Amino acid sequence: MTYVVTENCIRCKYTDCVEVCPADCFHEGPNFLVINPETCIDCSLCAPECPADAIFADNALPAGQAHFLQLNVELAEVWPVIAASKSPLGEAEDWVDRGDKLQYLER
């Protein structure tokens, strides 16, 4: 099992989850974070820390979010590791609960 960052993180990029991760498995893109399933130790510490409620166990992904598992795998291979918390994007509060955000993902 691994944890997966899903759509609600797009255009928010809160990093509270990064601060508690003992495995440094988060990778940072321009407006989204992903979890590398190869380094995730399934500790579950990150999910409750996410203000956007965007992190789920791979076996408990919400309906319509299963494709984010493969997206996390793909982007973790090219994005750098992030190991320290940063400020969220300036627009985070405006975007946190909007749906249909995949179209806004910047690679």
PDB file of N, CA and C in Angstrom:
ATOM      1  N   MET A   1       0.837  -1.183   0.000  1.00  0.00           N
ATOM      2  CA  MET A   1       0.000   0.000   0.000  1.00  0.00           C
ATOM      3  C   MET A   1       0.880   1.244   0.000  1.00  0.00           C
ATOM      4  N   THR A   2       0.341   2.299  -0.581  1.00  0.00           N
ATOM      5  CA  THR A   2       0.993   3.603  -0.588  1.00  0.00           C
ATOM      6  C   THR A   2      -0.075   4.673  -0.408  1.00  0.00           C
ATOM      7  N   TYR A   3       0.351   5.861  -0.134  1.00  0.00           N
ATOM      8  CA  TYR A   3      -0.563   6.989  -0.072  1.00  0.00           C
ATOM      9  C   TYR A   3      -0.453   7.775  -1.369  1.00  0.00           C
ATOM     10  N   VAL A   4      -1.543   8.445  -1.732  1.00  0.00           N
ATOM     11  CA  VAL A   4      -1.654   9.110  -3.027  1.00  0.00           C
ATOM     12  C   VAL A   4      -2.177  10.523  -2.829  1.00  0.00           C
ATOM     13  N   VAL A   5      -1.547  11.485  -3.475  1.00  0.00           N
ATOM     14  CA  VAL A   5      -2.051  12.858  -3.484  1.00  0.00           C
ATOM     15  C   VAL A   5      -3.039  12.954  -4.639  1.00  0.00           C
ATOM     16  N   THR A   6      -4.211  13.482  -4.354  1.00  0.00           N
ATOM     17  CA  THR A   6      -5.279  13.541  -5.346  1.00  0.00           C
ATOM     18  C   THR A   6      -5.571  14.975  -5.786  1.00  0.00           C
ATOM     19  N   GLU A   7      -6.599  15.107  -6.577  1.00  0.00           N
ATOM     20  CA  GLU A   7      -6.933  16.349  -7.265  1.00  0.00           C
ATOM     21  C   GLU A   7      -7.047  17.585  -6.378  1.00  0.00           C
ATOM     22  N   ASN A   8      -7.515  17.427  -5.165  1.00  0.00           N
ATOM     23  CA  ASN A   8      -7.752  18.609  -4.336  1.00  0.00           C
ATOM     24  C   ASN A   8      -6.478  19.381  -4.001  1.00  0.00           C
ATOM     25  N   CYS A   9      -5.319  18.779  -4.224  1.00  0.00           N
ATOM     26  CA  CYS A   9      -4.043  19.472  -3.976  1.00  0.00           C
ATOM     27  C   CYS A   9      -3.698  20.465  -5.098  1.00  0.00           C
ATOM     28  N   ILE A  10      -4.225  20.236  -6.276  1.00  0.00           N
ATOM     29  CA  ILE A  10      -3.883  21.081  -7.428  1.00  0.00           C
ATOM     30  C   ILE A  10      -4.281  22.532  -7.149  1.00  0.00           C
ATOM     31  N   ARG A  11      -3.360  23.426  -7.387  1.00  0.00           N
ATOM     32  CA  ARG A  11      -3.488  24.873  -7.208  1.00  0.00           C
ATOM     33  C   ARG A  11      -3.586  25.289  -5.749  1.00  0.00           C
ATOM     34  N   CYS A  12      -3.270  24.368  -4.846  1.00  0.00           N
ATOM     35  CA  CYS A  12      -3.230  24.676  -3.411  1.00  0.00           C
ATOM     36  C   CYS A  12      -1.812  24.457  -2.898  1.00  0.00           C
ATOM     37  N   LYS A  13      -1.353  23.221  -3.006  1.00  0.00           N
ATOM     38  CA  LYS A  13      -0.004  22.813  -2.615  1.00  0.00           C
ATOM     39  C   LYS A  13       0.339  23.199  -1.183  1.00  0.00           C
ATOM     40  N   TYR A  14      -0.560  22.815  -0.275  1.00  0.00           N
ATOM     41  CA  TYR A  14      -0.224  22.929   1.143  1.00  0.00           C
ATOM     42  C   TYR A  14       0.887  21.913   1.411  1.00  0.00           C
ATOM     43  N   THR A  15       1.801  22.224   2.278  1.00  0.00           N
ATOM     44  CA  THR A  15       2.931  21.315   2.511  1.00  0.00           C
ATOM     45  C   THR A  15       3.010  20.838   3.968  1.00  0.00           C
ATOM     46  N   ASP A  16       1.928  20.929   4.690  1.00  0.00           N
ATOM     47  CA  ASP A  16       1.889  20.435   6.067  1.00  0.00           C
ATOM     48  C   ASP A  16       2.259  18.948   6.107  1.00  0.00           C
ATOM     49  N   CYS A  17       1.857  18.216   5.083  1.00  0.00           N
ATOM     50  CA  CYS A  17       2.115  16.783   4.972  1.00  0.00           C
ATOM     51  C   CYS A  17       3.604  16.477   4.863  1.00  0.00           C
ATOM     52  N   VAL A  18       4.323  17.324   4.192  1.00  0.00           N
ATOM     53  CA  VAL A  18       5.756  17.134   3.965  1.00  0.00           C
ATOM     54  C   VAL A  18       6.517  17.152   5.287  1.00  0.00           C
ATOM     55  N   GLU A  19       6.121  18.032   6.153  1.00  0.00           N
ATOM     56  CA  GLU A  19       6.810  18.218   7.433  1.00  0.00           C
ATOM     57  C   GLU A  19       6.783  16.972   8.316  1.00  0.00           C
ATOM     58  N   VAL A  20       5.721  16.174   8.217  1.00  0.00           N
ATOM     59  CA  VAL A  20       5.585  14.990   9.080  1.00  0.00           C
ATOM     60  C   VAL A  20       6.067  13.695   8.429  1.00  0.00           C
ATOM     61  N   CYS A  21       6.432  13.736   7.168  1.00  0.00           N
ATOM     62  CA  CYS A  21       6.832  12.523   6.447  1.00  0.00           C
ATOM     63  C   CYS A  21       8.236  12.066   6.859  1.00  0.00           C
ATOM     64  N   PRO A  22       8.352  10.873   7.462  1.00  0.00           N
ATOM     65  CA  PRO A  22       9.672  10.403   7.881  1.00  0.00           C
ATOM     66  C   PRO A  22      10.495   9.798   6.743  1.00  0.00           C
ATOM     67  N   ALA A  23       9.882   9.643   5.570  1.00  0.00           N
ATOM     68  CA  ALA A  23      10.565   8.978   4.461  1.00  0.00           C
ATOM     69  C   ALA A  23      10.931   9.909   3.314  1.00  0.00           C
ATOM     70  N   ASP A  24      10.639  11.197   3.439  1.00  0.00           N
ATOM     71  CA  ASP A  24      10.903  12.162   2.355  1.00  0.00           C
ATOM     72  C   ASP A  24      10.393  11.638   1.014  1.00  0.00           C
ATOM     73  N   CYS A  25       9.146  11.223   0.998  1.00  0.00           N
ATOM     74  CA  CYS A  25       8.597  10.641  -0.233  1.00  0.00           C
ATOM     75  C   CYS A  25       7.797  11.635  -1.065  1.00  0.00           C
ATOM     76  N   PHE A  26       7.678  12.878  -0.618  1.00  0.00           N
ATOM     77  CA  PHE A  26       6.943  13.883  -1.389  1.00  0.00           C
ATOM     78  C   PHE A  26       7.840  14.521  -2.438  1.00  0.00           C
ATOM     79  N   HIS A  27       7.241  14.801  -3.590  1.00  0.00           N
ATOM     80  CA  HIS A  27       7.923  15.480  -4.685  1.00  0.00           C
ATOM     81  C   HIS A  27       7.074  16.688  -5.058  1.00  0.00           C
ATOM     82  N   GLU A  28       7.752  17.776  -5.421  1.00  0.00           N
ATOM     83  CA  GLU A  28       7.080  19.054  -5.645  1.00  0.00           C
ATOM     84  C   GLU A  28       7.113  19.473  -7.103  1.00  0.00           C
ATOM     85  N   GLY A  29       5.921  19.802  -7.604  1.00  0.00           N
ATOM     86  CA  GLY A  29       5.788  20.395  -8.930  1.00  0.00           C
ATOM     87  C   GLY A  29       5.347  21.842  -8.768  1.00  0.00           C
ATOM     88  N   PRO A  30       5.085  22.524  -9.878  1.00  0.00           N
ATOM     89  CA  PRO A  30       4.719  23.935  -9.807  1.00  0.00           C
ATOM     90  C   PRO A  30       3.472  24.235  -8.973  1.00  0.00           C
ATOM     91  N   ASN A  31       2.439  23.367  -9.082  1.00  0.00           N
ATOM     92  CA  ASN A  31       1.216  23.648  -8.331  1.00  0.00           C
ATOM     93  C   ASN A  31       0.559  22.383  -7.762  1.00  0.00           C
ATOM     94  N   PHE A  32       1.387  21.386  -7.449  1.00  0.00           N
ATOM     95  CA  PHE A  32       0.870  20.094  -6.985  1.00  0.00           C
ATOM     96  C   PHE A  32       2.009  19.330  -6.319  1.00  0.00           C
ATOM     97  N   LEU A  33       1.674  18.492  -5.364  1.00  0.00           N
ATOM     98  CA  LEU A  33       2.641  17.584  -4.749  1.00  0.00           C
ATOM     99  C   LEU A  33       2.258  16.161  -5.118  1.00  0.00           C
ATOM    100  N   VAL A  34       3.221  15.258  -5.140  1.00  0.00           N
ATOM    101  CA  VAL A  34       2.946  13.840  -5.339  1.00  0.00           C
ATOM    102  C   VAL A  34       3.744  13.032  -4.325  1.00  0.00           C
ATOM    103  N   ILE A  35       3.317  11.797  -4.135  1.00  0.00           N
ATOM    104  CA  ILE A  35       4.010  10.864  -3.256  1.00  0.00           C
ATOM    105  C   ILE A  35       4.635   9.779  -4.109  1.00  0.00           C
ATOM    106  N   ASN A  36       5.898   9.507  -3.855  1.00  0.00           N
ATOM    107  CA  ASN A  36       6.586   8.430  -4.559  1.00  0.00           C
ATOM    108  C   ASN A  36       6.226   7.113  -3.867  1.00  0.00           C
ATOM    109  N   PRO A  37       5.508   6.217  -4.552  1.00  0.00           N
ATOM    110  CA  PRO A  37       5.115   4.962  -3.906  1.00  0.00           C
ATOM    111  C   PRO A  37       6.303   4.040  -3.612  1.00  0.00           C
ATOM    112  N   GLU A  38       7.424   4.276  -4.253  1.00  0.00           N
ATOM    113  CA  GLU A  38       8.618   3.467  -4.000  1.00  0.00           C
ATOM    114  C   GLU A  38       9.248   3.796  -2.651  1.00  0.00           C
ATOM    115  N   THR A  39       9.063   5.023  -2.184  1.00  0.00           N
ATOM    116  CA  THR A  39       9.670   5.423  -0.916  1.00  0.00           C
ATOM    117  C   THR A  39       8.660   5.595   0.210  1.00  0.00           C
ATOM    118  N   CYS A  40       7.370   5.622  -0.109  1.00  0.00           N
ATOM    119  CA  CYS A  40       6.325   5.742   0.911  1.00  0.00           C
ATOM    120  C   CYS A  40       6.349   4.502   1.801  1.00  0.00           C
ATOM    121  N   ILE A  41       6.353   4.724   3.116  1.00  0.00           N
ATOM    122  CA  ILE A  41       6.402   3.599   4.062  1.00  0.00           C
ATOM    123  C   ILE A  41       5.035   3.329   4.684  1.00  0.00           C
ATOM    124  N   ASP A  42       3.998   3.903   4.132  1.00  0.00           N
ATOM    125  CA  ASP A  42       2.622   3.656   4.569  1.00  0.00           C
ATOM    126  C   ASP A  42       2.394   3.996   6.039  1.00  0.00           C
ATOM    127  N   CYS A  43       3.041   5.013   6.517  1.00  0.00           N
ATOM    128  CA  CYS A  43       2.919   5.363   7.938  1.00  0.00           C
ATOM    129  C   CYS A  43       1.607   6.088   8.238  1.00  0.00           C
ATOM    130  N   SER A  44       0.993   6.671   7.239  1.00  0.00           N
ATOM    131  CA  SER A  44      -0.284   7.381   7.321  1.00  0.00           C
ATOM    132  C   SER A  44      -0.215   8.726   8.049  1.00  0.00           C
ATOM    133  N   LEU A  45       0.960   9.206   8.372  1.00  0.00           N
ATOM    134  CA  LEU A  45       1.082  10.479   9.084  1.00  0.00           C
ATOM    135  C   LEU A  45       0.654  11.671   8.236  1.00  0.00           C
ATOM    136  N   CYS A  46       0.827  11.580   6.928  1.00  0.00           N
ATOM    137  CA  CYS A  46       0.570  12.721   6.047  1.00  0.00           C
ATOM    138  C   CYS A  46      -0.908  13.029   5.851  1.00  0.00           C
ATOM    139  N   ALA A  47      -1.730  12.023   5.731  1.00  0.00           N
ATOM    140  CA  ALA A  47      -3.138  12.235   5.387  1.00  0.00           C
ATOM    141  C   ALA A  47      -3.870  13.172   6.348  1.00  0.00           C
ATOM    142  N   PRO A  48      -3.788  12.977   7.652  1.00  0.00           N
ATOM    143  CA  PRO A  48      -4.520  13.888   8.538  1.00  0.00           C
ATOM    144  C   PRO A  48      -3.942  15.303   8.600  1.00  0.00           C
ATOM    145  N   GLU A  49      -2.725  15.491   8.135  1.00  0.00           N
ATOM    146  CA  GLU A  49      -2.098  16.810   8.150  1.00  0.00           C
ATOM    147  C   GLU A  49      -2.500  17.674   6.960  1.00  0.00           C
ATOM    148  N   CYS A  50      -3.082  17.081   5.935  1.00  0.00           N
ATOM    149  CA  CYS A  50      -3.412  17.809   4.705  1.00  0.00           C
ATOM    150  C   CYS A  50      -4.657  18.670   4.892  1.00  0.00           C
ATOM    151  N   PRO A  51      -4.519  20.008   4.861  1.00  0.00           N
ATOM    152  CA  PRO A  51      -5.669  20.891   5.023  1.00  0.00           C
ATOM    153  C   PRO A  51      -6.673  20.774   3.878  1.00  0.00           C
ATOM    154  N   ALA A  52      -6.232  20.243   2.747  1.00  0.00           N
ATOM    155  CA  ALA A  52      -7.111  20.108   1.586  1.00  0.00           C
ATOM    156  C   ALA A  52      -7.772  18.734   1.517  1.00  0.00           C
ATOM    157  N   ASP A  53      -7.471  17.857   2.461  1.00  0.00           N
ATOM    158  CA  ASP A  53      -7.994  16.487   2.434  1.00  0.00           C
ATOM    159  C   ASP A  53      -7.758  15.833   1.075  1.00  0.00           C
ATOM    160  N   ALA A  54      -6.516  15.933   0.617  1.00  0.00           N
ATOM    161  CA  ALA A  54      -6.162  15.442  -0.711  1.00  0.00           C
ATOM    162  C   ALA A  54      -5.340  14.160  -0.701  1.00  0.00           C
ATOM    163  N   ILE A  55      -5.054  13.591   0.469  1.00  0.00           N
ATOM    164  CA  ILE A  55      -4.183  12.415   0.545  1.00  0.00           C
ATOM    165  C   ILE A  55      -4.979  11.215   1.058  1.00  0.00           C
ATOM    166  N   PHE A  56      -4.880  10.099   0.311  1.00  0.00           N
ATOM    167  CA  PHE A  56      -5.618   8.886   0.643  1.00  0.00           C
ATOM    168  C   PHE A  56      -4.742   7.667   0.436  1.00  0.00           C
ATOM    169  N   ALA A  57      -5.040   6.607   1.176  1.00  0.00           N
ATOM    170  CA  ALA A  57      -4.407   5.317   0.912  1.00  0.00           C
ATOM    171  C   ALA A  57      -4.859   4.853  -0.462  1.00  0.00           C
ATOM    172  N   ASP A  58      -3.975   4.158  -1.187  1.00  0.00           N
ATOM    173  CA  ASP A  58      -4.325   3.733  -2.540  1.00  0.00           C
ATOM    174  C   ASP A  58      -5.536   2.814  -2.586  1.00  0.00           C
ATOM    175  N   ASN A  59      -5.807   2.112  -1.505  1.00  0.00           N
ATOM    176  CA  ASN A  59      -6.971   1.225  -1.489  1.00  0.00           C
ATOM    177  C   ASN A  59      -8.236   1.916  -0.974  1.00  0.00           C
ATOM    178  N   ALA A  60      -8.151   3.216  -0.770  1.00  0.00           N
ATOM    179  CA  ALA A  60      -9.301   3.982  -0.283  1.00  0.00           C
ATOM    180  C   ALA A  60      -9.483   5.278  -1.068  1.00  0.00           C
ATOM    181  N   LEU A  61      -9.047   5.289  -2.316  1.00  0.00           N
ATOM    182  CA  LEU A  61      -9.177   6.498  -3.130  1.00  0.00           C
ATOM    183  C   LEU A  61     -10.651   6.806  -3.397  1.00  0.00           C
ATOM    184  N   PRO A  62     -11.025   8.082  -3.341  1.00  0.00           N
ATOM    185  CA  PRO A  62     -12.410   8.455  -3.639  1.00  0.00           C
ATOM    186  C   PRO A  62     -12.761   8.127  -5.093  1.00  0.00           C
ATOM    187  N   ALA A  63     -14.037   8.014  -5.353  1.00  0.00           N
ATOM    188  CA  ALA A  63     -14.522   7.745  -6.709  1.00  0.00           C
ATOM    189  C   ALA A  63     -13.961   8.790  -7.674  1.00  0.00           C
ATOM    190  N   GLY A  64     -13.481   8.333  -8.802  1.00  0.00           N
ATOM    191  CA  GLY A  64     -12.954   9.223  -9.825  1.00  0.00           C
ATOM    192  C   GLY A  64     -11.519   9.678  -9.606  1.00  0.00           C
ATOM    193  N   GLN A  65     -10.857   9.187  -8.572  1.00  0.00           N
ATOM    194  CA  GLN A  65      -9.495   9.629  -8.263  1.00  0.00           C
ATOM    195  C   GLN A  65      -8.443   8.539  -8.472  1.00  0.00           C
ATOM    196  N   ALA A  66      -8.831   7.370  -8.913  1.00  0.00           N
ATOM    197  CA  ALA A  66      -7.897   6.244  -9.062  1.00  0.00           C
ATOM    198  C   ALA A  66      -6.738   6.566 -10.004  1.00  0.00           C
ATOM    199  N   HIS A  67      -6.985   7.370 -11.024  1.00  0.00           N
ATOM    200  CA  HIS A  67      -5.927   7.704 -11.984  1.00  0.00           C
ATOM    201  C   HIS A  67      -4.799   8.530 -11.353  1.00  0.00           C
ATOM    202  N   PHE A  68      -5.039   9.079 -10.172  1.00  0.00           N
ATOM    203  CA  PHE A  68      -3.988   9.852  -9.506  1.00  0.00           C
ATOM    204  C   PHE A  68      -2.864   8.969  -8.972  1.00  0.00           C
ATOM    205  N   LEU A  69      -3.114   7.690  -8.783  1.00  0.00           N
ATOM    206  CA  LEU A  69      -2.040   6.790  -8.376  1.00  0.00           C
ATOM    207  C   LEU A  69      -0.960   6.759  -9.453  1.00  0.00           C
ATOM    208  N   GLN A  70      -1.347   6.552 -10.699  1.00  0.00           N
ATOM    209  CA  GLN A  70      -0.378   6.526 -11.792  1.00  0.00           C
ATOM    210  C   GLN A  70       0.257   7.900 -11.994  1.00  0.00           C
ATOM    211  N   LEU A  71      -0.502   8.954 -11.807  1.00  0.00           N
ATOM    212  CA  LEU A  71       0.041  10.303 -11.946  1.00  0.00           C
ATOM    213  C   LEU A  71       1.105  10.566 -10.881  1.00  0.00           C
ATOM    214  N   ASN A  72       0.885  10.113  -9.659  1.00  0.00           N
ATOM    215  CA  ASN A  72       1.894  10.251  -8.599  1.00  0.00           C
ATOM    216  C   ASN A  72       3.162   9.499  -8.985  1.00  0.00           C
ATOM    217  N   VAL A  73       3.012   8.282  -9.503  1.00  0.00           N
ATOM    218  CA  VAL A  73       4.168   7.487  -9.934  1.00  0.00           C
ATOM    219  C   VAL A  73       4.955   8.235 -11.003  1.00  0.00           C
ATOM    220  N   GLU A  74       4.249   8.696 -12.013  1.00  0.00           N
ATOM    221  CA  GLU A  74       4.882   9.366 -13.159  1.00  0.00           C
ATOM    222  C   GLU A  74       5.618  10.641 -12.752  1.00  0.00           C
ATOM    223  N   LEU A  75       4.974  11.489 -11.982  1.00  0.00           N
ATOM    224  CA  LEU A  75       5.566  12.782 -11.651  1.00  0.00           C
ATOM    225  C   LEU A  75       6.651  12.668 -10.581  1.00  0.00           C
ATOM    226  N   ALA A  76       6.576  11.679  -9.713  1.00  0.00           N
ATOM    227  CA  ALA A  76       7.629  11.474  -8.711  1.00  0.00           C
ATOM    228  C   ALA A  76       8.958  11.132  -9.371  1.00  0.00           C
ATOM    229  N   GLU A  77       8.910  10.612 -10.576  1.00  0.00           N
ATOM    230  CA  GLU A  77      10.143  10.276 -11.301  1.00  0.00           C
ATOM    231  C   GLU A  77      10.856  11.508 -11.841  1.00  0.00           C
ATOM    232  N   VAL A  78      10.136  12.605 -12.009  1.00  0.00           N
ATOM    233  CA  VAL A  78      10.744  13.786 -12.634  1.00  0.00           C
ATOM    234  C   VAL A  78      10.790  15.024 -11.735  1.00  0.00           C
ATOM    235  N   TRP A  79       9.949  15.088 -10.722  1.00  0.00           N
ATOM    236  CA  TRP A  79       9.939  16.239  -9.835  1.00  0.00           C
ATOM    237  C   TRP A  79      10.893  16.024  -8.669  1.00  0.00           C
ATOM    238  N   PRO A  80      11.470  17.096  -8.135  1.00  0.00           N
ATOM    239  CA  PRO A  80      12.410  16.962  -7.006  1.00  0.00           C
ATOM    240  C   PRO A  80      11.705  16.663  -5.685  1.00  0.00           C
ATOM    241  N   VAL A  81      12.438  16.043  -4.790  1.00  0.00           N
ATOM    242  CA  VAL A  81      11.935  15.774  -3.445  1.00  0.00           C
ATOM    243  C   VAL A  81      11.782  17.092  -2.698  1.00  0.00           C
ATOM    244  N   ILE A  82      10.725  17.178  -1.916  1.00  0.00           N
ATOM    245  CA  ILE A  82      10.535  18.311  -1.015  1.00  0.00           C
ATOM    246  C   ILE A  82      10.502  17.729   0.399  1.00  0.00           C
ATOM    247  N   ALA A  83      11.345  18.247   1.275  1.00  0.00           N
ATOM    248  CA  ALA A  83      11.468  17.682   2.617  1.00  0.00           C
ATOM    249  C   ALA A  83      11.140  18.679   3.726  1.00  0.00           C
ATOM    250  N   ALA A  84      10.823  19.910   3.351  1.00  0.00           N
ATOM    251  CA  ALA A  84      10.489  20.919   4.351  1.00  0.00           C
ATOM    252  C   ALA A  84       9.237  21.671   3.918  1.00  0.00           C
ATOM    253  N   SER A  85       8.473  22.081   4.872  1.00  0.00           N
ATOM    254  CA  SER A  85       7.238  22.798   4.618  1.00  0.00           C
ATOM    255  C   SER A  85       7.518  24.175   4.009  1.00  0.00           C
ATOM    256  N   LYS A  86       6.621  24.613   3.151  1.00  0.00           N
ATOM    257  CA  LYS A  86       6.660  25.940   2.542  1.00  0.00           C
ATOM    258  C   LYS A  86       5.269  26.548   2.655  1.00  0.00           C
ATOM    259  N   SER A  87       5.149  27.803   2.338  1.00  0.00           N
ATOM    260  CA  SER A  87       3.835  28.435   2.294  1.00  0.00           C
ATOM    261  C   SER A  87       3.037  27.859   1.137  1.00  0.00           C
ATOM    262  N   PRO A  88       1.714  27.721   1.303  1.00  0.00           N
ATOM    263  CA  PRO A  88       0.889  27.250   0.189  1.00  0.00           C
ATOM    264  C   PRO A  88       0.856  28.300  -0.914  1.00  0.00           C
ATOM    265  N   LEU A  89       0.328  27.909  -2.042  1.00  0.00           N
ATOM    266  CA  LEU A  89       0.174  28.872  -3.135  1.00  0.00           C
ATOM    267  C   LEU A  89      -0.764  29.983  -2.687  1.00  0.00           C
ATOM    268  N   GLY A  90      -0.553  31.169  -3.206  1.00  0.00           N
ATOM    269  CA  GLY A  90      -1.359  32.318  -2.816  1.00  0.00           C
ATOM    270  C   GLY A  90      -2.839  32.146  -3.082  1.00  0.00           C
ATOM    271  N   GLU A  91      -3.168  31.319  -4.031  1.00  0.00           N
ATOM    272  CA  GLU A  91      -4.560  31.099  -4.416  1.00  0.00           C
ATOM    273  C   GLU A  91      -5.183  29.897  -3.702  1.00  0.00           C
ATOM    274  N   ALA A  92      -4.469  29.281  -2.807  1.00  0.00           N
ATOM    275  CA  ALA A  92      -4.901  28.025  -2.188  1.00  0.00           C
ATOM    276  C   ALA A  92      -6.311  28.085  -1.604  1.00  0.00           C
ATOM    277  N   GLU A  93      -6.605  29.097  -0.830  1.00  0.00           N
ATOM    278  CA  GLU A  93      -7.923  29.172  -0.200  1.00  0.00           C
ATOM    279  C   GLU A  93      -9.043  29.275  -1.217  1.00  0.00           C
ATOM    280  N   ASP A  94      -8.779  29.890  -2.354  1.00  0.00           N
ATOM    281  CA  ASP A  94      -9.799  30.013  -3.397  1.00  0.00           C
ATOM    282  C   ASP A  94     -10.035  28.697  -4.135  1.00  0.00           C
ATOM    283  N   TRP A  95      -9.025  27.831  -4.162  1.00  0.00           N
ATOM    284  CA  TRP A  95      -9.092  26.608  -4.961  1.00  0.00           C
ATOM    285  C   TRP A  95      -9.276  25.333  -4.149  1.00  0.00           C
ATOM    286  N   VAL A  96      -9.173  25.386  -2.846  1.00  0.00           N
ATOM    287  CA  VAL A  96      -9.088  24.180  -2.027  1.00  0.00           C
ATOM    288  C   VAL A  96     -10.237  23.193  -2.242  1.00  0.00           C
ATOM    289  N   ASP A  97     -11.438  23.623  -2.391  1.00  0.00           N
ATOM    290  CA  ASP A  97     -12.552  22.686  -2.521  1.00  0.00           C
ATOM    291  C   ASP A  97     -13.220  22.690  -3.890  1.00  0.00           C
ATOM    292  N   ARG A  98     -12.574  23.246  -4.872  1.00  0.00           N
ATOM    293  CA  ARG A  98     -13.125  23.215  -6.227  1.00  0.00           C
ATOM    294  C   ARG A  98     -12.878  21.848  -6.839  1.00  0.00           C
ATOM    295  N   GLY A  99     -13.760  21.431  -7.682  1.00  0.00           N
ATOM    296  CA  GLY A  99     -13.597  20.166  -8.387  1.00  0.00           C
ATOM    297  C   GLY A  99     -13.048  20.388  -9.778  1.00  0.00           C
ATOM    298  N   ASP A 100     -12.831  19.305 -10.496  1.00  0.00           N
ATOM    299  CA  ASP A 100     -12.403  19.337 -11.889  1.00  0.00           C
ATOM    300  C   ASP A 100     -11.141  20.188 -12.086  1.00  0.00           C
ATOM    301  N   LYS A 101     -10.113  19.934 -11.267  1.00  0.00           N
ATOM    302  CA  LYS A 101      -8.893  20.741 -11.319  1.00  0.00           C
ATOM    303  C   LYS A 101      -7.758  20.103 -12.110  1.00  0.00           C
ATOM    304  N   LEU A 102      -7.921  18.880 -12.560  1.00  0.00           N
ATOM    305  CA  LEU A 102      -6.829  18.215 -13.273  1.00  0.00           C
ATOM    306  C   LEU A 102      -6.357  19.033 -14.468  1.00  0.00           C
ATOM    307  N   GLN A 103      -7.264  19.717 -15.115  1.00  0.00           N
ATOM    308  CA  GLN A 103      -6.912  20.546 -16.275  1.00  0.00           C
ATOM    309  C   GLN A 103      -5.939  21.679 -15.914  1.00  0.00           C
ATOM    310  N   TYR A 104      -5.814  22.004 -14.655  1.00  0.00           N
ATOM    311  CA  TYR A 104      -4.938  23.084 -14.207  1.00  0.00           C
ATOM    312  C   TYR A 104      -3.577  22.595 -13.706  1.00  0.00           C
ATOM    313  N   LEU A 105      -3.370  21.292 -13.726  1.00  0.00           N
ATOM    314  CA  LEU A 105      -2.103  20.726 -13.272  1.00  0.00           C
ATOM    315  C   LEU A 105      -0.965  21.197 -14.183  1.00  0.00           C
ATOM    316  N   GLU A 106       0.054  21.804 -13.577  1.00  0.00           N
ATOM    317  CA  GLU A 106       1.242  22.245 -14.316  1.00  0.00           C
ATOM    318  C   GLU A 106       2.337  21.198 -14.127  1.00  0.00           C
ATOM    319  N   ARG A 107       2.900  20.775 -15.219  1.00  0.00           N
ATOM    320  CA  ARG A 107       3.959  19.775 -15.161  1.00  0.00           C
ATOM    321  C   ARG A 107       5.291  20.451 -15.284  1.00  0.00           C
TER     322      ARG A 107
END
